[in-house]
Amino acid sequence: MKKPIYIYIFGLMILFSISCSSETEQSIELIDSKVEIISDKERLGSYGFNEEGIELIPTSLYYEFSLKNDGKVKIGELVNDPLKIEIEPNDTLINASNEVIGFNVFNPFYYNNTGLGYGGSSTPVLKPGEEGQFILTFDLGVSHENNHIKVMVPPVEKLKILEDNALDATLIISTNVGEIARFDLHK
């Protein structure tokens, strides 16, 4: 007589754990993605002025993503655990970056001593059903010589190679707790 009670209790525990896990599951959808190579002071800022007084506006590989929280729980925390995005380039994109710029722009280490930078902006928290904008930029050079930035922007034909391969990558969405999703941008 005790066996059916244990089986009944065990079954209830399984159902309870399934219903609880679905309420805490994080789900995110990639709504839109754009990539372009730009030299736009309003979106990128500038490095100041060179010795001749010419403003140094970088040319950058500019990614813009729209993401939507499809889950039932908030993703990210404003201060302690913000929502983050990262580009993981495929070999084709790494090779294009090396060919065009001379280094892998997706690896922060290679920016050392170039005078260039990378960065982004994002929505740190997405509530259920909410959409957010996420931007990543990777500086490729400046158009005017100066003593501080060692990388001149490549010719348009070379930049086209990088732009044509810019979606040969994976977009990784995470928080400090761990990875939430991956999206193949090539598709």
C-alpha atoms as a PDB file:
ATOM      1  CA  MET A   1       0.000   0.000   0.000  1.00  0.00           C
ATOM      2  CA  LYS A   2       2.926   2.361   0.605  1.00  0.00           C
ATOM      3  CA  LYS A   3       4.317   1.968  -2.944  1.00  0.00           C
ATOM      4  CA  PRO A   4       1.434   3.783  -4.695  1.00  0.00           C
ATOM      5  CA  ILE A   5       1.772   6.748  -2.314  1.00  0.00           C
ATOM      6  CA  TYR A   6       5.512   7.052  -3.054  1.00  0.00           C
ATOM      7  CA  ILE A   7       4.873   6.791  -6.768  1.00  0.00           C
ATOM      8  CA  TYR A   8       2.141   9.441  -6.504  1.00  0.00           C
ATOM      9  CA  ILE A   9       4.438  11.786  -4.509  1.00  0.00           C
ATOM     10  CA  PHE A  10       7.324  11.181  -6.919  1.00  0.00           C
ATOM     11  CA  GLY A  11       5.060  11.988  -9.883  1.00  0.00           C
ATOM     12  CA  LEU A  12       3.915  15.221  -8.246  1.00  0.00           C
ATOM     13  CA  MET A  13       7.521  16.226  -7.584  1.00  0.00           C
ATOM     14  CA  ILE A  14       8.409  15.715 -11.254  1.00  0.00           C
ATOM     15  CA  LEU A  15       5.418  17.768 -12.426  1.00  0.00           C
ATOM     16  CA  PHE A  16       6.264  20.534  -9.938  1.00  0.00           C
ATOM     17  CA  SER A  17       9.906  20.687 -11.062  1.00  0.00           C
ATOM     18  CA  ILE A  18       8.881  20.848 -14.727  1.00  0.00           C
ATOM     19  CA  SER A  19       6.424  23.688 -14.117  1.00  0.00           C
ATOM     20  CA  CYS A  20       8.954  25.626 -12.011  1.00  0.00           C
ATOM     21  CA  SER A  21      11.744  25.281 -14.562  1.00  0.00           C
ATOM     22  CA  SER A  22       9.590  26.613 -17.390  1.00  0.00           C
ATOM     23  CA  GLU A  23       8.789  29.731 -15.355  1.00  0.00           C
ATOM     24  CA  THR A  24      12.468  30.521 -14.764  1.00  0.00           C
ATOM     25  CA  GLU A  25      13.746  29.626 -18.212  1.00  0.00           C
ATOM     26  CA  GLN A  26      15.430  32.462 -20.112  1.00  0.00           C
ATOM     27  CA  SER A  27      14.654  32.782 -23.803  1.00  0.00           C
ATOM     28  CA  ILE A  28      15.889  35.446 -26.165  1.00  0.00           C
ATOM     29  CA  GLU A  29      15.196  36.053 -29.860  1.00  0.00           C
ATOM     30  CA  LEU A  30      17.325  37.880 -32.424  1.00  0.00           C
ATOM     31  CA  ILE A  31      14.872  40.249 -34.136  1.00  0.00           C
ATOM     32  CA  ASP A  32      17.238  42.115 -36.449  1.00  0.00           C
ATOM     33  CA  SER A  33      20.937  42.460 -37.214  1.00  0.00           C
ATOM     34  CA  LYS A  34      22.800  45.036 -39.272  1.00  0.00           C
ATOM     35  CA  VAL A  35      26.460  45.451 -40.027  1.00  0.00           C
ATOM     36  CA  GLU A  36      28.203  48.239 -41.877  1.00  0.00           C
ATOM     37  CA  ILE A  37      31.504  50.045 -42.032  1.00  0.00           C
ATOM     38  CA  ILE A  38      31.028  53.652 -41.003  1.00  0.00           C
ATOM     39  CA  SER A  39      32.916  56.828 -40.220  1.00  0.00           C
ATOM     40  CA  ASP A  40      30.290  58.797 -38.342  1.00  0.00           C
ATOM     41  CA  LYS A  41      31.173  61.167 -35.496  1.00  0.00           C
ATOM     42  CA  GLU A  42      27.602  61.087 -34.128  1.00  0.00           C
ATOM     43  CA  ARG A  43      27.653  57.308 -33.669  1.00  0.00           C
ATOM     44  CA  LEU A  44      31.370  56.728 -33.004  1.00  0.00           C
ATOM     45  CA  GLY A  45      32.744  59.911 -31.471  1.00  0.00           C
ATOM     46  CA  SER A  46      36.276  61.042 -32.285  1.00  0.00           C
ATOM     47  CA  TYR A  47      39.856  60.753 -31.028  1.00  0.00           C
ATOM     48  CA  GLY A  48      40.323  64.510 -30.856  1.00  0.00           C
ATOM     49  CA  PHE A  49      42.539  66.402 -33.274  1.00  0.00           C
ATOM     50  CA  ASN A  50      45.872  65.681 -34.927  1.00  0.00           C
ATOM     51  CA  GLU A  51      48.804  68.068 -35.006  1.00  0.00           C
ATOM     52  CA  GLU A  52      47.319  69.940 -38.018  1.00  0.00           C
ATOM     53  CA  GLY A  53      44.001  70.474 -36.223  1.00  0.00           C
ATOM     54  CA  ILE A  54      42.085  67.863 -38.243  1.00  0.00           C
ATOM     55  CA  GLU A  55      39.514  65.929 -36.195  1.00  0.00           C
ATOM     56  CA  LEU A  56      40.285  62.195 -36.048  1.00  0.00           C
ATOM     57  CA  ILE A  57      37.052  60.293 -36.607  1.00  0.00           C
ATOM     58  CA  PRO A  58      37.534  56.524 -36.721  1.00  0.00           C
ATOM     59  CA  THR A  59      36.245  54.217 -39.397  1.00  0.00           C
ATOM     60  CA  SER A  60      34.614  51.256 -37.650  1.00  0.00           C
ATOM     61  CA  LEU A  61      33.004  47.920 -38.245  1.00  0.00           C
ATOM     62  CA  TYR A  62      29.585  48.660 -36.726  1.00  0.00           C
ATOM     63  CA  TYR A  63      27.171  45.921 -35.607  1.00  0.00           C
ATOM     64  CA  GLU A  64      23.630  46.692 -34.453  1.00  0.00           C
ATOM     65  CA  PHE A  65      21.309  44.029 -33.023  1.00  0.00           C
ATOM     66  CA  SER A  66      17.714  44.020 -31.821  1.00  0.00           C
ATOM     67  CA  LEU A  67      16.946  41.335 -29.259  1.00  0.00           C
ATOM     68  CA  LYS A  68      13.669  40.363 -27.607  1.00  0.00           C
ATOM     69  CA  ASN A  69      13.147  38.571 -24.305  1.00  0.00           C
ATOM     70  CA  ASP A  70      10.747  35.749 -25.227  1.00  0.00           C
ATOM     71  CA  GLY A  71      10.887  34.204 -21.772  1.00  0.00           C
ATOM     72  CA  LYS A  72       8.790  34.669 -18.680  1.00  0.00           C
ATOM     73  CA  VAL A  73      11.537  36.144 -16.488  1.00  0.00           C
ATOM     74  CA  LYS A  74      13.696  39.243 -16.582  1.00  0.00           C
ATOM     75  CA  ILE A  75      17.140  38.728 -18.132  1.00  0.00           C
ATOM     76  CA  GLY A  76      20.039  40.677 -16.661  1.00  0.00           C
ATOM     77  CA  GLU A  77      20.498  43.016 -13.728  1.00  0.00           C
ATOM     78  CA  LEU A  78      21.290  46.702 -14.006  1.00  0.00           C
ATOM     79  CA  VAL A  79      24.516  46.683 -11.966  1.00  0.00           C
ATOM     80  CA  ASN A  80      25.605  43.206 -10.861  1.00  0.00           C
ATOM     81  CA  ASP A  81      24.675  41.015 -13.822  1.00  0.00           C
ATOM     82  CA  PRO A  82      24.008  43.008 -17.034  1.00  0.00           C
ATOM     83  CA  LEU A  83      23.037  41.406 -20.320  1.00  0.00           C
ATOM     84  CA  LYS A  84      26.102  41.221 -22.605  1.00  0.00           C
ATOM     85  CA  ILE A  85      26.748  40.449 -26.246  1.00  0.00           C
ATOM     86  CA  GLU A  86      29.907  39.243 -27.955  1.00  0.00           C
ATOM     87  CA  ILE A  87      30.940  38.433 -31.518  1.00  0.00           C
ATOM     88  CA  GLU A  88      32.763  35.137 -31.997  1.00  0.00           C
ATOM     89  CA  PRO A  89      34.237  35.361 -35.516  1.00  0.00           C
ATOM     90  CA  ASN A  90      34.513  32.320 -37.755  1.00  0.00           C
ATOM     91  CA  ASP A  91      37.878  31.605 -39.409  1.00  0.00           C
ATOM     92  CA  THR A  92      36.767  33.368 -42.614  1.00  0.00           C
ATOM     93  CA  LEU A  93      36.095  36.601 -40.736  1.00  0.00           C
ATOM     94  CA  ILE A  94      39.331  36.367 -38.738  1.00  0.00           C
ATOM     95  CA  ASN A  95      41.270  35.888 -41.994  1.00  0.00           C
ATOM     96  CA  ALA A  96      39.478  38.855 -43.596  1.00  0.00           C
ATOM     97  CA  SER A  97      40.310  41.025 -40.583  1.00  0.00           C
ATOM     98  CA  ASN A  98      43.964  39.960 -40.660  1.00  0.00           C
ATOM     99  CA  GLU A  99      44.142  40.625 -44.417  1.00  0.00           C
ATOM    100  CA  VAL A 100      42.443  44.031 -44.315  1.00  0.00           C
ATOM    101  CA  ILE A 101      43.556  45.541 -40.991  1.00  0.00           C
ATOM    102  CA  GLY A 102      46.630  43.468 -40.176  1.00  0.00           C
ATOM    103  CA  PHE A 103      45.221  41.966 -36.963  1.00  0.00           C
ATOM    104  CA  ASN A 104      42.115  40.261 -35.571  1.00  0.00           C
ATOM    105  CA  VAL A 105      39.880  43.172 -34.519  1.00  0.00           C
ATOM    106  CA  PHE A 106      37.713  40.798 -32.462  1.00  0.00           C
ATOM    107  CA  ASN A 107      40.548  40.065 -30.036  1.00  0.00           C
ATOM    108  CA  PRO A 108      41.084  43.011 -27.622  1.00  0.00           C
ATOM    109  CA  PHE A 109      44.749  42.050 -27.123  1.00  0.00           C
ATOM    110  CA  TYR A 110      45.624  43.119 -30.680  1.00  0.00           C
ATOM    111  CA  TYR A 111      44.401  46.663 -30.095  1.00  0.00           C
ATOM    112  CA  ASN A 112      47.282  47.276 -27.654  1.00  0.00           C
ATOM    113  CA  ASN A 113      49.608  50.028 -28.890  1.00  0.00           C
ATOM    114  CA  THR A 114      47.471  50.808 -31.971  1.00  0.00           C
ATOM    115  CA  GLY A 115      45.732  53.859 -30.522  1.00  0.00           C
ATOM    116  CA  LEU A 116      42.427  52.386 -31.708  1.00  0.00           C
ATOM    117  CA  GLY A 117      39.614  50.942 -29.665  1.00  0.00           C
ATOM    118  CA  TYR A 118      36.459  48.873 -29.640  1.00  0.00           C
ATOM    119  CA  GLY A 119      33.297  49.089 -27.621  1.00  0.00           C
ATOM    120  CA  GLY A 120      29.589  48.996 -27.560  1.00  0.00           C
ATOM    121  CA  SER A 121      26.385  49.923 -25.883  1.00  0.00           C
ATOM    122  CA  SER A 122      23.573  47.732 -24.735  1.00  0.00           C
ATOM    123  CA  THR A 123      20.376  47.380 -22.822  1.00  0.00           C
ATOM    124  CA  PRO A 124      21.504  45.812 -19.509  1.00  0.00           C
ATOM    125  CA  VAL A 125      18.094  44.347 -18.625  1.00  0.00           C
ATOM    126  CA  LEU A 126      15.278  42.927 -20.742  1.00  0.00           C
ATOM    127  CA  LYS A 127      11.916  42.342 -19.078  1.00  0.00           C
ATOM    128  CA  PRO A 128       9.641  39.612 -20.485  1.00  0.00           C
ATOM    129  CA  GLY A 129       8.385  40.666 -23.927  1.00  0.00           C
ATOM    130  CA  GLU A 130      10.739  43.652 -24.060  1.00  0.00           C
ATOM    131  CA  GLU A 131      13.075  44.477 -26.987  1.00  0.00           C
ATOM    132  CA  GLY A 132      16.486  46.117 -26.679  1.00  0.00           C
ATOM    133  CA  GLN A 133      19.174  47.549 -28.937  1.00  0.00           C
ATOM    134  CA  PHE A 134      22.769  46.343 -28.783  1.00  0.00           C
ATOM    135  CA  ILE A 135      25.738  47.871 -30.620  1.00  0.00           C
ATOM    136  CA  LEU A 136      29.330  46.661 -31.032  1.00  0.00           C
ATOM    137  CA  THR A 137      32.043  48.709 -32.746  1.00  0.00           C
ATOM    138  CA  PHE A 138      35.543  47.735 -33.831  1.00  0.00           C
ATOM    139  CA  ASP A 139      37.750  50.634 -34.975  1.00  0.00           C
ATOM    140  CA  LEU A 140      39.624  49.995 -38.216  1.00  0.00           C
ATOM    141  CA  GLY A 141      41.736  53.147 -38.502  1.00  0.00           C
ATOM    142  CA  VAL A 142      41.655  56.889 -39.107  1.00  0.00           C
ATOM    143  CA  SER A 143      41.984  58.848 -42.364  1.00  0.00           C
ATOM    144  CA  HIS A 144      44.627  61.383 -41.292  1.00  0.00           C
ATOM    145  CA  GLU A 145      48.145  60.768 -40.041  1.00  0.00           C
ATOM    146  CA  ASN A 146      48.926  61.583 -36.430  1.00  0.00           C
ATOM    147  CA  ASN A 147      51.349  60.628 -33.663  1.00  0.00           C
ATOM    148  CA  HIS A 148      48.882  58.673 -31.510  1.00  0.00           C
ATOM    149  CA  ILE A 149      46.980  56.301 -33.792  1.00  0.00           C
ATOM    150  CA  LYS A 150      49.214  53.969 -35.739  1.00  0.00           C
ATOM    151  CA  VAL A 151      46.591  52.426 -38.037  1.00  0.00           C
ATOM    152  CA  MET A 152      45.399  54.224 -41.137  1.00  0.00           C
ATOM    153  CA  VAL A 153      42.039  53.190 -42.550  1.00  0.00           C
ATOM    154  CA  PRO A 154      42.480  50.769 -45.482  1.00  0.00           C
ATOM    155  CA  PRO A 155      41.204  51.581 -48.990  1.00  0.00           C
ATOM    156  CA  VAL A 156      37.499  51.083 -49.713  1.00  0.00           C
ATOM    157  CA  GLU A 157      38.173  47.943 -51.808  1.00  0.00           C
ATOM    158  CA  LYS A 158      39.851  46.257 -48.821  1.00  0.00           C
ATOM    159  CA  LEU A 159      37.146  47.397 -46.410  1.00  0.00           C
ATOM    160  CA  LYS A 160      34.595  45.758 -48.726  1.00  0.00           C
ATOM    161  CA  ILE A 161      36.309  42.389 -48.102  1.00  0.00           C
ATOM    162  CA  LEU A 162      35.822  42.812 -44.371  1.00  0.00           C
ATOM    163  CA  GLU A 163      32.237  44.021 -44.733  1.00  0.00           C
ATOM    164  CA  ASP A 164      31.359  41.098 -47.046  1.00  0.00           C
ATOM    165  CA  ASN A 165      32.561  38.640 -44.394  1.00  0.00           C
ATOM    166  CA  ALA A 166      31.337  40.519 -41.306  1.00  0.00           C
ATOM    167  CA  LEU A 167      28.427  38.129 -40.698  1.00  0.00           C
ATOM    168  CA  ASP A 168      30.634  35.022 -40.734  1.00  0.00           C
ATOM    169  CA  ALA A 169      30.335  34.942 -36.956  1.00  0.00           C
ATOM    170  CA  THR A 170      28.286  33.862 -33.978  1.00  0.00           C
ATOM    171  CA  LEU A 171      26.528  36.309 -31.685  1.00  0.00           C
ATOM    172  CA  ILE A 172      26.762  35.183 -28.052  1.00  0.00           C
ATOM    173  CA  ILE A 173      24.285  36.495 -25.478  1.00  0.00           C
ATOM    174  CA  SER A 174      25.207  36.083 -21.795  1.00  0.00           C
ATOM    175  CA  THR A 175      25.173  37.454 -18.281  1.00  0.00           C
ATOM    176  CA  ASN A 176      27.722  36.905 -15.515  1.00  0.00           C
ATOM    177  CA  VAL A 177      25.755  33.774 -14.588  1.00  0.00           C
ATOM    178  CA  GLY A 178      26.388  32.213 -18.003  1.00  0.00           C
ATOM    179  CA  GLU A 179      25.525  31.968 -21.670  1.00  0.00           C
ATOM    180  CA  ILE A 180      21.884  32.408 -22.650  1.00  0.00           C
ATOM    181  CA  ALA A 181      21.909  32.003 -26.447  1.00  0.00           C
ATOM    182  CA  ARG A 182      23.998  31.803 -29.614  1.00  0.00           C
ATOM    183  CA  PHE A 183      22.954  33.006 -33.061  1.00  0.00           C
ATOM    184  CA  ASP A 184      24.722  32.128 -36.312  1.00  0.00           C
ATOM    185  CA  LEU A 185      24.814  35.521 -38.049  1.00  0.00           C
ATOM    186  CA  HIS A 186      25.698  33.974 -41.403  1.00  0.00           C
ATOM    187  CA  LYS A 187      22.168  32.593 -41.625  1.00  0.00           C
END
